PDB file of N, CA and C in Angstrom:
ATOM      1  N   MET A   1      94.807 106.237  94.902  1.00  0.00           N
ATOM      2  CA  MET A   1      93.394 105.981  95.185  1.00  0.00           C
ATOM      3  C   MET A   1      93.289 105.015  96.363  1.00  0.00           C
ATOM      4  N   PRO A   2      92.303 105.220  97.221  1.00  0.00           N
ATOM      5  CA  PRO A   2      92.148 104.350  98.383  1.00  0.00           C
ATOM      6  C   PRO A   2      91.743 102.931  97.989  1.00  0.00           C
ATOM      7  N   LEU A   3      92.147 101.985  98.833  1.00  0.00           N
ATOM      8  CA  LEU A   3      91.698 100.603  98.706  1.00  0.00           C
ATOM      9  C   LEU A   3      90.670 100.351  99.794  1.00  0.00           C
ATOM     10  N   LEU A   4      89.586  99.703  99.428  1.00  0.00           N
ATOM     11  CA  LEU A   4      88.518  99.356 100.365  1.00  0.00           C
ATOM     12  C   LEU A   4      88.322  97.859 100.329  1.00  0.00           C
ATOM     13  N   PHE A   5      88.411  97.215 101.501  1.00  0.00           N
ATOM     14  CA  PHE A   5      88.161  95.781 101.604  1.00  0.00           C
ATOM     15  C   PHE A   5      86.731  95.567 102.069  1.00  0.00           C
ATOM     16  N   SER A   6      85.993  94.728 101.344  1.00  0.00           N
ATOM     17  CA  SER A   6      84.623  94.398 101.736  1.00  0.00           C
ATOM     18  C   SER A   6      84.480  92.900 101.923  1.00  0.00           C
ATOM     19  N   TYR A   7      83.832  92.530 103.012  1.00  0.00           N
ATOM     20  CA  TYR A   7      83.508  91.141 103.308  1.00  0.00           C
ATOM     21  C   TYR A   7      81.994  90.955 103.331  1.00  0.00           C
ATOM     22  N   GLY A   8      81.257  92.019 103.010  1.00  0.00           N
ATOM     23  CA  GLY A   8      79.805  91.972 103.146  1.00  0.00           C
ATOM     24  C   GLY A   8      79.070  92.595 101.987  1.00  0.00           C
ATOM     25  N   THR A   9      78.082  93.428 102.305  1.00  0.00           N
ATOM     26  CA  THR A   9      77.130  93.904 101.300  1.00  0.00           C
ATOM     27  C   THR A   9      77.731  94.837 100.259  1.00  0.00           C
ATOM     28  N   LEU A  10      78.863  95.471 100.560  1.00  0.00           N
ATOM     29  CA  LEU A  10      79.487  96.326  99.548  1.00  0.00           C
ATOM     30  C   LEU A  10      80.052  95.512  98.375  1.00  0.00           C
ATOM     31  N   GLN A  11      80.014  94.193  98.477  1.00  0.00           N
ATOM     32  CA  GLN A  11      80.391  93.329  97.358  1.00  0.00           C
ATOM     33  C   GLN A  11      79.212  93.112  96.403  1.00  0.00           C
ATOM     34  N   GLN A  12      77.992  93.445  96.845  1.00  0.00           N
ATOM     35  CA  GLN A  12      76.788  93.240  96.032  1.00  0.00           C
ATOM     36  C   GLN A  12      76.693  94.313  94.958  1.00  0.00           C
ATOM     37  N   ALA A  13      76.428  93.906  93.715  1.00  0.00           N
ATOM     38  CA  ALA A  13      76.314  94.859  92.605  1.00  0.00           C
ATOM     39  C   ALA A  13      75.230  95.902  92.879  1.00  0.00           C
ATOM     40  N   ASN A  14      74.076  95.493  93.410  1.00  0.00           N
ATOM     41  CA  ASN A  14      72.997  96.453  93.661  1.00  0.00           C
ATOM     42  C   ASN A  14      73.397  97.494  94.702  1.00  0.00           C
ATOM     43  N   VAL A  15      74.154  97.101  95.707  1.00  0.00           N
ATOM     44  CA  VAL A  15      74.624  98.047  96.730  1.00  0.00           C
ATOM     45  C   VAL A  15      75.662  98.982  96.125  1.00  0.00           C
ATOM     46  N   GLN A  16      76.531  98.460  95.271  1.00  0.00           N
ATOM     47  CA  GLN A  16      77.535  99.300  94.621  1.00  0.00           C
ATOM     48  C   GLN A  16      76.877 100.354  93.733  1.00  0.00           C
ATOM     49  N   PHE A  17      75.892  99.951  92.952  1.00  0.00           N
ATOM     50  CA  PHE A  17      75.191 100.918  92.098  1.00  0.00           C
ATOM     51  C   PHE A  17      74.496 101.981  92.941  1.00  0.00           C
ATOM     52  N   ALA A  18      73.840 101.580  94.028  1.00  0.00           N
ATOM     53  CA  ALA A  18      73.142 102.531  94.888  1.00  0.00           C
ATOM     54  C   ALA A  18      74.110 103.456  95.631  1.00  0.00           C
ATOM     55  N   THR A  19      75.273 102.953  95.990  1.00  0.00           N
ATOM     56  CA  THR A  19      76.229 103.718  96.794  1.00  0.00           C
ATOM     57  C   THR A  19      77.190 104.540  95.940  1.00  0.00           C
ATOM     58  N   PHE A  20      77.689 103.928  94.852  1.00  0.00           N
ATOM     59  CA  PHE A  20      78.734 104.565  94.044  1.00  0.00           C
ATOM     60  C   PHE A  20      78.282 104.950  92.638  1.00  0.00           C
ATOM     61  N   GLY A  21      77.113 104.472  92.215  1.00  0.00           N
ATOM     62  CA  GLY A  21      76.632 104.754  90.873  1.00  0.00           C
ATOM     63  C   GLY A  21      77.301 103.927  89.795  1.00  0.00           C
ATOM     64  N   ARG A  22      78.037 102.902  90.202  1.00  0.00           N
ATOM     65  CA  ARG A  22      78.717 102.023  89.253  1.00  0.00           C
ATOM     66  C   ARG A  22      79.037 100.702  89.939  1.00  0.00           C
ATOM     67  N   GLN A  23      79.353  99.694  89.133  1.00  0.00           N
ATOM     68  CA  GLN A  23      79.803  98.423  89.686  1.00  0.00           C
ATOM     69  C   GLN A  23      81.320  98.459  89.778  1.00  0.00           C
ATOM     70  N   LEU A  24      81.843  98.041  90.916  1.00  0.00           N
ATOM     71  CA  LEU A  24      83.278  98.062  91.156  1.00  0.00           C
ATOM     72  C   LEU A  24      83.936  96.779  90.670  1.00  0.00           C
ATOM     73  N   ALA A  25      85.184  96.893  90.229  1.00  0.00           N
ATOM     74  CA  ALA A  25      86.003  95.730  89.901  1.00  0.00           C
ATOM     75  C   ALA A  25      86.918  95.484  91.086  1.00  0.00           C
ATOM     76  N   GLY A  26      86.985  94.238  91.545  1.00  0.00           N
ATOM     77  CA  GLY A  26      87.775  93.944  92.724  1.00  0.00           C
ATOM     78  C   GLY A  26      88.629  92.716  92.580  1.00  0.00           C
ATOM     79  N   THR A  27      89.454  92.502  93.607  1.00  0.00           N
ATOM     80  CA  THR A  27      90.367  91.366  93.674  1.00  0.00           C
ATOM     81  C   THR A  27      90.103  90.600  94.966  1.00  0.00           C
ATOM     82  N   PRO A  28      89.990  89.270  94.898  1.00  0.00           N
ATOM     83  CA  PRO A  28      89.807  88.494  96.127  1.00  0.00           C
ATOM     84  C   PRO A  28      91.010  88.657  97.065  1.00  0.00           C
ATOM     85  N   ASP A  29      90.738  88.734  98.353  1.00  0.00           N
ATOM     86  CA  ASP A  29      91.782  88.840  99.372  1.00  0.00           C
ATOM     87  C   ASP A  29      91.164  88.381 100.684  1.00  0.00           C
ATOM     88  N   ALA A  30      91.871  88.547 101.775  1.00  0.00           N
ATOM     89  CA  ALA A  30      91.346  88.191 103.089  1.00  0.00           C
ATOM     90  C   ALA A  30      91.885  89.157 104.129  1.00  0.00           C
ATOM     91  N   LEU A  31      91.070  89.436 105.106  1.00  0.00           N
ATOM     92  CA  LEU A  31      91.414  90.287 106.237  1.00  0.00           C
ATOM     93  C   LEU A  31      92.121  89.409 107.270  1.00  0.00           C
ATOM     94  N   VAL A  32      93.253  89.852 107.776  1.00  0.00           N
ATOM     95  CA  VAL A  32      94.067  89.054 108.695  1.00  0.00           C
ATOM     96  C   VAL A  32      93.809  89.470 110.139  1.00  0.00           C
ATOM     97  N   GLY A  33      93.580  88.469 111.008  1.00  0.00           N
ATOM     98  CA  GLY A  33      93.448  88.739 112.435  1.00  0.00           C
ATOM     99  C   GLY A  33      92.072  89.163 112.882  1.00  0.00           C
ATOM    100  N   TYR A  34      91.057  88.875 112.080  1.00  0.00           N
ATOM    101  CA  TYR A  34      89.673  89.253 112.400  1.00  0.00           C
ATOM    102  C   TYR A  34      88.759  88.040 112.381  1.00  0.00           C
ATOM    103  N   GLU A  35      87.636  88.150 113.102  1.00  0.00           N
ATOM    104  CA  GLU A  35      86.590  87.138 113.032  1.00  0.00           C
ATOM    105  C   GLU A  35      85.280  87.821 112.681  1.00  0.00           C
ATOM    106  N   GLN A  36      84.398  87.075 112.027  1.00  0.00           N
ATOM    107  CA  GLN A  36      83.144  87.631 111.516  1.00  0.00           C
ATOM    108  C   GLN A  36      81.953  87.133 112.305  1.00  0.00           C
ATOM    109  N   SER A  37      80.972  88.009 112.486  1.00  0.00           N
ATOM    110  CA  SER A  37      79.675  87.655 113.056  1.00  0.00           C
ATOM    111  C   SER A  37      78.625  88.453 112.274  1.00  0.00           C
ATOM    112  N   MET A  38      77.422  88.561 112.819  1.00  0.00           N
ATOM    113  CA  MET A  38      76.343  89.300 112.151  1.00  0.00           C
ATOM    114  C   MET A  38      75.814  90.379 113.100  1.00  0.00           C
ATOM    115  N   VAL A  39      75.270  91.447 112.495  1.00  0.00           N
ATOM    116  CA  VAL A  39      74.676  92.533 113.265  1.00  0.00           C
ATOM    117  C   VAL A  39      73.334  92.884 112.625  1.00  0.00           C
ATOM    118  N   ALA A  40      72.338  93.170 113.478  1.00  0.00           N
ATOM    119  CA  ALA A  40      71.034  93.606 112.987  1.00  0.00           C
ATOM    120  C   ALA A  40      71.139  95.042 112.490  1.00  0.00           C
ATOM    121  N   ILE A  41      70.531  95.311 111.346  1.00  0.00           N
ATOM    122  CA  ILE A  41      70.536  96.647 110.755  1.00  0.00           C
ATOM    123  C   ILE A  41      69.161  97.261 110.957  1.00  0.00           C
ATOM    124  N   ASP A  42      69.133  98.439 111.603  1.00  0.00           N
ATOM    125  CA  ASP A  42      67.845  99.090 111.871  1.00  0.00           C
ATOM    126  C   ASP A  42      67.612 100.328 111.006  1.00  0.00           C
ATOM    127  N   ASP A  43      68.517 100.605 110.089  1.00  0.00           N
ATOM    128  CA  ASP A  43      68.356 101.718 109.159  1.00  0.00           C
ATOM    129  C   ASP A  43      67.563 101.224 107.953  1.00  0.00           C
ATOM    130  N   ALA A  44      66.343 101.719 107.794  1.00  0.00           N
ATOM    131  CA  ALA A  44      65.436 101.231 106.746  1.00  0.00           C
ATOM    132  C   ALA A  44      66.022 101.407 105.346  1.00  0.00           C
ATOM    133  N   GLU A  45      66.717 102.503 105.112  1.00  0.00           N
ATOM    134  CA  GLU A  45      67.305 102.753 103.791  1.00  0.00           C
ATOM    135  C   GLU A  45      68.402 101.737 103.478  1.00  0.00           C
ATOM    136  N   VAL A  46      69.237 101.407 104.454  1.00  0.00           N
ATOM    137  CA  VAL A  46      70.303 100.416 104.255  1.00  0.00           C
ATOM    138  C   VAL A  46      69.692  99.036 104.026  1.00  0.00           C
ATOM    139  N   VAL A  47      68.658  98.693 104.773  1.00  0.00           N
ATOM    140  CA  VAL A  47      67.969  97.408 104.578  1.00  0.00           C
ATOM    141  C   VAL A  47      67.351  97.351 103.183  1.00  0.00           C
ATOM    142  N   ARG A  48      66.737  98.455 102.754  1.00  0.00           N
ATOM    143  CA  ARG A  48      66.144  98.501 101.414  1.00  0.00           C
ATOM    144  C   ARG A  48      67.221  98.321 100.347  1.00  0.00           C
ATOM    145  N   THR A  49      68.352  98.996 100.516  1.00  0.00           N
ATOM    146  CA  THR A  49      69.429  98.933  99.530  1.00  0.00           C
ATOM    147  C   THR A  49      70.044  97.539  99.460  1.00  0.00           C
ATOM    148  N   SER A  50      70.336  96.944 100.619  1.00  0.00           N
ATOM    149  CA  SER A  50      71.017  95.643 100.645  1.00  0.00           C
ATOM    150  C   SER A  50      70.057  94.466 100.502  1.00  0.00           C
ATOM    151  N   GLY A  51      68.790  94.681 100.904  1.00  0.00           N
ATOM    152  CA  GLY A  51      67.834  93.586 100.900  1.00  0.00           C
ATOM    153  C   GLY A  51      68.002  92.655 102.093  1.00  0.00           C
ATOM    154  N   LYS A  52      68.771  93.103 103.096  1.00  0.00           N
ATOM    155  CA  LYS A  52      69.067  92.238 104.246  1.00  0.00           C
ATOM    156  C   LYS A  52      68.900  93.003 105.556  1.00  0.00           C
ATOM    157  N   THR A  53      68.305  92.338 106.550  1.00  0.00           N
ATOM    158  CA  THR A  53      68.128  92.947 107.865  1.00  0.00           C
ATOM    159  C   THR A  53      69.330  92.702 108.775  1.00  0.00           C
ATOM    160  N   HIS A  54      70.194  91.771 108.407  1.00  0.00           N
ATOM    161  CA  HIS A  54      71.405  91.466 109.170  1.00  0.00           C
ATOM    162  C   HIS A  54      72.593  91.472 108.209  1.00  0.00           C
ATOM    163  N   HIS A  55      73.654  92.146 108.622  1.00  0.00           N
ATOM    164  CA  HIS A  55      74.854  92.243 107.800  1.00  0.00           C
ATOM    165  C   HIS A  55      76.037  91.619 108.532  1.00  0.00           C
ATOM    166  N   PRO A  56      77.019  91.122 107.794  1.00  0.00           N
ATOM    167  CA  PRO A  56      78.246  90.658 108.439  1.00  0.00           C
ATOM    168  C   PRO A  56      78.969  91.842 109.093  1.00  0.00           C
ATOM    169  N   ILE A  57      79.700  91.537 110.158  1.00  0.00           N
ATOM    170  CA  ILE A  57      80.530  92.535 110.840  1.00  0.00           C
ATOM    171  C   ILE A  57      81.742  91.797 111.377  1.00  0.00           C
ATOM    172  N   VAL A  58      82.869  92.480 111.487  1.00  0.00           N
ATOM    173  CA  VAL A  58      84.090  91.832 111.972  1.00  0.00           C
ATOM    174  C   VAL A  58      84.651  92.582 113.166  1.00  0.00           C
ATOM    175  N   ARG A  59      85.416  91.841 113.941  1.00  0.00           N
ATOM    176  CA  ARG A  59      86.162  92.454 115.046  1.00  0.00           C
ATOM    177  C   ARG A  59      87.559  91.850 115.074  1.00  0.00           C
ATOM    178  N   TYR A  60      88.516  92.663 115.513  1.00  0.00           N
ATOM    179  CA  TYR A  60      89.909  92.253 115.556  1.00  0.00           C
ATOM    180  C   TYR A  60      90.125  91.277 116.699  1.00  0.00           C
ATOM    181  N   THR A  61      90.797  90.155 116.403  1.00  0.00           N
ATOM    182  CA  THR A  61      91.155  89.181 117.429  1.00  0.00           C
ATOM    183  C   THR A  61      92.655  89.136 117.655  1.00  0.00           C
ATOM    184  N   GLY A  62      93.419  89.537 116.645  1.00  0.00           N
ATOM    185  CA  GLY A  62      94.863  89.469 116.738  1.00  0.00           C
ATOM    186  C   GLY A  62      95.437  88.092 116.443  1.00  0.00           C
ATOM    187  N   GLU A  63      94.565  87.126 116.228  1.00  0.00           N
ATOM    188  CA  GLU A  63      95.028  85.771 115.926  1.00  0.00           C
ATOM    189  C   GLU A  63      95.598  85.745 114.513  1.00  0.00           C
ATOM    190  N   PRO A  64      96.875  85.402 114.343  1.00  0.00           N
ATOM    191  CA  PRO A  64      97.493  85.457 113.014  1.00  0.00           C
ATOM    192  C   PRO A  64      96.874  84.513 111.997  1.00  0.00           C
ATOM    193  N   ASP A  65      96.231  83.448 112.454  1.00  0.00           N
ATOM    194  CA  ASP A  65      95.615  82.497 111.520  1.00  0.00           C
ATOM    195  C   ASP A  65      94.161  82.842 111.199  1.00  0.00           C
ATOM    196  N   ALA A  66      93.603  83.832 111.890  1.00  0.00           N
ATOM    197  CA  ALA A  66      92.213  84.223 111.641  1.00  0.00           C
ATOM    198  C   ALA A  66      92.132  84.976 110.316  1.00  0.00           C
ATOM    199  N   ARG A  67      91.169  84.595 109.492  1.00  0.00           N
ATOM    200  CA  ARG A  67      90.994  85.210 108.179  1.00  0.00           C
ATOM    201  C   ARG A  67      89.509  85.417 107.895  1.00  0.00           C
ATOM    202  N   VAL A  68      89.192  86.546 107.256  1.00  0.00           N
ATOM    203  CA  VAL A  68      87.848  86.812 106.756  1.00  0.00           C
ATOM    204  C   VAL A  68      87.987  87.079 105.263  1.00  0.00           C
ATOM    205  N   PRO A  69      87.418  86.211 104.423  1.00  0.00           N
ATOM    206  CA  PRO A  69      87.535  86.413 102.976  1.00  0.00           C
ATOM    207  C   PRO A  69      86.672  87.571 102.494  1.00  0.00           C
ATOM    208  N   GLY A  70      87.104  88.161 101.400  1.00  0.00           N
ATOM    209  CA  GLY A  70      86.348  89.259 100.819  1.00  0.00           C
ATOM    210  C   GLY A  70      87.003  89.745  99.543  1.00  0.00           C
ATOM    211  N   THR A  71      86.767  91.020  99.238  1.00  0.00           N
ATOM    212  CA  THR A  71      87.234  91.617  97.993  1.00  0.00           C
ATOM    213  C   THR A  71      87.822  92.993  98.265  1.00  0.00           C
ATOM    214  N   VAL A  72      88.933  93.295  97.583  1.00  0.00           N
ATOM    215  CA  VAL A  72      89.553  94.616  97.659  1.00  0.00           C
ATOM    216  C   VAL A  72      89.152  95.405  96.419  1.00  0.00           C
ATOM    217  N   PHE A  73      88.674  96.623  96.645  1.00  0.00           N
ATOM    218  CA  PHE A  73      88.269  97.510  95.564  1.00  0.00           C
ATOM    219  C   PHE A  73      89.118  98.777  95.599  1.00  0.00           C
ATOM    220  N   GLU A  74      89.544  99.249  94.422  1.00  0.00           N
ATOM    221  CA  GLU A  74      90.184 100.554  94.320  1.00  0.00           C
ATOM    222  C   GLU A  74      89.086 101.556  94.009  1.00  0.00           C
ATOM    223  N   ILE A  75      88.941 102.548  94.894  1.00  0.00           N
ATOM    224  CA  ILE A  75      87.868 103.527  94.751  1.00  0.00           C
ATOM    225  C   ILE A  75      88.449 104.933  94.867  1.00  0.00           C
ATOM    226  N   THR A  76      87.639 105.919  94.593  1.00  0.00           N
ATOM    227  CA  THR A  76      88.070 107.309  94.731  1.00  0.00           C
ATOM    228  C   THR A  76      87.837 107.792  96.163  1.00  0.00           C
ATOM    229  N   ASP A  77      88.435 108.930  96.494  1.00  0.00           N
ATOM    230  CA  ASP A  77      88.194 109.528  97.812  1.00  0.00           C
ATOM    231  C   ASP A  77      86.711 109.852  98.003  1.00  0.00           C
ATOM    232  N   ALA A  78      86.074 110.334  96.941  1.00  0.00           N
ATOM    233  CA  ALA A  78      84.637 110.651  97.017  1.00  0.00           C
ATOM    234  C   ALA A  78      83.819 109.382  97.261  1.00  0.00           C
ATOM    235  N   GLU A  79      84.197 108.280  96.617  1.00  0.00           N
ATOM    236  CA  GLU A  79      83.481 107.014  96.829  1.00  0.00           C
ATOM    237  C   GLU A  79      83.694 106.489  98.247  1.00  0.00           C
ATOM    238  N   LEU A  80      84.875 106.716  98.814  1.00  0.00           N
ATOM    239  CA  LEU A  80      85.112 106.315 100.199  1.00  0.00           C
ATOM    240  C   LEU A  80      84.171 107.084 101.129  1.00  0.00           C
ATOM    241  N   GLU A  81      83.968 108.354 100.859  1.00  0.00           N
ATOM    242  CA  GLU A  81      83.012 109.139 101.650  1.00  0.00           C
ATOM    243  C   GLU A  81      81.588 108.613 101.468  1.00  0.00           C
ATOM    244  N   GLN A  82      81.241 108.179 100.249  1.00  0.00           N
ATOM    245  CA  GLN A  82      79.917 107.604 100.010  1.00  0.00           C
ATOM    246  C   GLN A  82      79.757 106.300 100.788  1.00  0.00           C
ATOM    247  N   ALA A  83      80.819 105.494 100.855  1.00  0.00           N
ATOM    248  CA  ALA A  83      80.769 104.256 101.638  1.00  0.00           C
ATOM    249  C   ALA A  83      80.574 104.573 103.115  1.00  0.00           C
ATOM    250  N   ASP A  84      81.241 105.629 103.595  1.00  0.00           N
ATOM    251  CA  ASP A  84      81.063 106.049 104.995  1.00  0.00           C
ATOM    252  C   ASP A  84      79.593 106.372 105.281  1.00  0.00           C
ATOM    253  N   ARG A  85      78.922 107.021 104.331  1.00  0.00           N
ATOM    254  CA  ARG A  85      77.508 107.365 104.522  1.00  0.00           C
ATOM    255  C   ARG A  85      76.613 106.124 104.486  1.00  0.00           C
ATOM    256  N   TYR A  86      76.991 105.124 103.703  1.00  0.00           N
ATOM    257  CA  TYR A  86      76.195 103.894 103.604  1.00  0.00           C
ATOM    258  C   TYR A  86      76.253 103.091 104.909  1.00  0.00           C
ATOM    259  N   GLU A  87      77.425 102.999 105.513  1.00  0.00           N
ATOM    260  CA  GLU A  87      77.586 102.165 106.708  1.00  0.00           C
ATOM    261  C   GLU A  87      76.885 102.795 107.913  1.00  0.00           C
ATOM    262  N   VAL A  88      76.217 101.954 108.700  1.00  0.00           N
ATOM    263  CA  VAL A  88      75.506 102.421 109.888  1.00  0.00           C
ATOM    264  C   VAL A  88      76.482 102.599 111.050  1.00  0.00           C
ATOM    265  N   SER A  89      76.007 103.154 112.153  1.00  0.00           N
ATOM    266  CA  SER A  89      76.877 103.500 113.282  1.00  0.00           C
ATOM    267  C   SER A  89      77.505 102.287 113.974  1.00  0.00           C
ATOM    268  N   ALA A  90      77.045 101.087 113.680  1.00  0.00           N
ATOM    269  CA  ALA A  90      77.655  99.880 114.260  1.00  0.00           C
ATOM    270  C   ALA A  90      79.063  99.655 113.720  1.00  0.00           C
ATOM    271  N   TYR A  91      79.383 100.324 112.596  1.00  0.00           N
ATOM    272  CA  TYR A  91      80.678 100.130 111.935  1.00  0.00           C
ATOM    273  C   TYR A  91      81.563 101.354 112.089  1.00  0.00           C
ATOM    274  N   ARG A  92      82.866 101.094 112.140  1.00  0.00           N
ATOM    275  CA  ARG A  92      83.860 102.165 112.090  1.00  0.00           C
ATOM    276  C   ARG A  92      84.914 101.773 111.063  1.00  0.00           C
ATOM    277  N   ARG A  93      85.356 102.737 110.262  1.00  0.00           N
ATOM    278  CA  ARG A  93      86.365 102.462 109.232  1.00  0.00           C
ATOM    279  C   ARG A  93      87.767 102.544 109.834  1.00  0.00           C
ATOM    280  N   VAL A  94      88.563 101.479 109.605  1.00  0.00           N
ATOM    281  CA  VAL A  94      89.952 101.426 110.061  1.00  0.00           C
ATOM    282  C   VAL A  94      90.818 100.891 108.922  1.00  0.00           C
ATOM    283  N   SER A  95      92.107 101.102 109.045  1.00  0.00           N
ATOM    284  CA  SER A  95      93.066 100.521 108.115  1.00  0.00           C
ATOM    285  C   SER A  95      93.477  99.162 108.679  1.00  0.00           C
ATOM    286  N   ALA A  96      93.511  98.139 107.824  1.00  0.00           N
ATOM    287  CA  ALA A  96      93.803  96.795 108.309  1.00  0.00           C
ATOM    288  C   ALA A  96      94.676  96.034 107.320  1.00  0.00           C
ATOM    289  N   ALA A  97      95.388  95.044 107.854  1.00  0.00           N
ATOM    290  CA  ALA A  97      96.289  94.207 107.057  1.00  0.00           C
ATOM    291  C   ALA A  97      95.501  93.149 106.283  1.00  0.00           C
ATOM    292  N   LEU A  98      95.968  92.899 105.061  1.00  0.00           N
ATOM    293  CA  LEU A  98      95.366  91.882 104.198  1.00  0.00           C
ATOM    294  C   LEU A  98      96.333  90.724 103.997  1.00  0.00           C
ATOM    295  N   ALA A  99      95.788  89.569 103.671  1.00  0.00           N
ATOM    296  CA  ALA A  99      96.607  88.377 103.444  1.00  0.00           C
ATOM    297  C   ALA A  99      97.597  88.586 102.299  1.00  0.00           C
ATOM    298  N   SER A 100      97.259  89.439 101.338  1.00  0.00           N
ATOM    299  CA  SER A 100      98.125  89.718 100.198  1.00  0.00           C
ATOM    300  C   SER A 100      99.376  90.512 100.584  1.00  0.00           C
ATOM    301  N   GLY A 101      99.392  91.030 101.814  1.00  0.00           N
ATOM    302  CA  GLY A 101     100.520  91.826 102.281  1.00  0.00           C
ATOM    303  C   GLY A 101     100.254  93.316 102.284  1.00  0.00           C
ATOM    304  N   GLY A 102      99.165  93.742 101.663  1.00  0.00           N
ATOM    305  CA  GLY A 102      98.819  95.156 101.627  1.00  0.00           C
ATOM    306  C   GLY A 102      97.945  95.553 102.793  1.00  0.00           C
ATOM    307  N   THR A 103      97.483  96.781 102.740  1.00  0.00           N
ATOM    308  CA  THR A 103      96.518  97.280 103.721  1.00  0.00           C
ATOM    309  C   THR A 103      95.381  97.955 102.962  1.00  0.00           C
ATOM    310  N   ALA A 104      94.229  98.013 103.605  1.00  0.00           N
ATOM    311  CA  ALA A 104      93.064  98.643 102.993  1.00  0.00           C
ATOM    312  C   ALA A 104      92.162  99.152 104.103  1.00  0.00           C
ATOM    313  N   TRP A 105      91.286 100.084 103.729  1.00  0.00           N
ATOM    314  CA  TRP A 105      90.232 100.496 104.641  1.00  0.00           C
ATOM    315  C   TRP A 105      89.223  99.367 104.756  1.00  0.00           C
ATOM    316  N   VAL A 106      88.679  99.177 105.945  1.00  0.00           N
ATOM    317  CA  VAL A 106      87.651  98.167 106.175  1.00  0.00           C
ATOM    318  C   VAL A 106      86.731  98.670 107.286  1.00  0.00           C
ATOM    319  N   TYR A 107      85.466  98.285 107.208  1.00  0.00           N
ATOM    320  CA  TYR A 107      84.495  98.655 108.237  1.00  0.00           C
ATOM    321  C   TYR A 107      84.397  97.518 109.242  1.00  0.00           C
ATOM    322  N   VAL A 108      84.691  97.856 110.515  1.00  0.00           N
ATOM    323  CA  VAL A 108      84.730  96.863 111.588  1.00  0.00           C
ATOM    324  C   VAL A 108      83.721  97.235 112.667  1.00  0.00           C
ATOM    325  N   ASP A 109      83.528  96.330 113.613  1.00  0.00           N
ATOM    326  CA  ASP A 109      82.597  96.552 114.720  1.00  0.00           C
ATOM    327  C   ASP A 109      83.086  97.722 115.574  1.00  0.00           C
ATOM    328  N   ALA A 110      82.318  98.787 115.611  1.00  0.00           N
ATOM    329  CA  ALA A 110      82.698 100.013 116.328  1.00  0.00           C
ATOM    330  C   ALA A 110      82.863  99.780 117.824  1.00  0.00           C
ATOM    331  N   LYS A 111      82.203  98.764 118.372  1.00  0.00           N
ATOM    332  CA  LYS A 111      82.306  98.499 119.814  1.00  0.00           C
ATOM    333  C   LYS A 111      83.726  98.125 120.226  1.00  0.00           C
ATOM    334  N   TYR A 112      84.520  97.634 119.277  1.00  0.00           N
ATOM    335  CA  TYR A 112      85.851  97.134 119.599  1.00  0.00           C
ATOM    336  C   TYR A 112      86.962  98.054 119.096  1.00  0.00           C
ATOM    337  N   VAL A 113      86.606  99.262 118.657  1.00  0.00           N
ATOM    338  CA  VAL A 113      87.606 100.200 118.144  1.00  0.00           C
ATOM    339  C   VAL A 113      87.841 101.277 119.199  1.00  0.00           C
ATOM    340  N   THR A 114      89.101 101.483 119.542  1.00  0.00           N
ATOM    341  CA  THR A 114      89.467 102.530 120.486  1.00  0.00           C
ATOM    342  C   THR A 114      89.670 103.821 119.725  1.00  0.00           C
ATOM    343  N   ARG A 115      89.042 104.868 120.187  1.00  0.00           N
ATOM    344  CA  ARG A 115      89.222 106.178 119.533  1.00  0.00           C
ATOM    345  C   ARG A 115      90.555 106.757 119.930  1.00  0.00           C
ATOM    346  N   ALA A 116      91.235 107.334 118.952  1.00  0.00           N
ATOM    347  CA  ALA A 116      92.555 107.948 119.210  1.00  0.00           C
ATOM    348  C   ALA A 116      92.401 109.346 119.754  1.00  0.00           C
TER     349      ALA A 116
END
């Protein structure tokens, strides 16, 4: 099953229920080599679901001491697709290293992701 790291609204129970139909159980962890900022959300449905007009967003810095705290969730492939639909175009899903030594999917600032 895929692992999904969230540092933002996907950690909220109300967003999880709206997106996945259930509350997720997770483990605290941290994203390595990233820094966090905020992005304005212009999708009315996402704002309604999260209750927030601005969401956290991260970009890769490569700095080994840079950390963004959050939660790792084990989800199904179908739930990963549901998360993809929830996230707005400002985000792109990538695989990233965690402080625990593992890797997980995470949504990062699309402006800083190079397409393969």
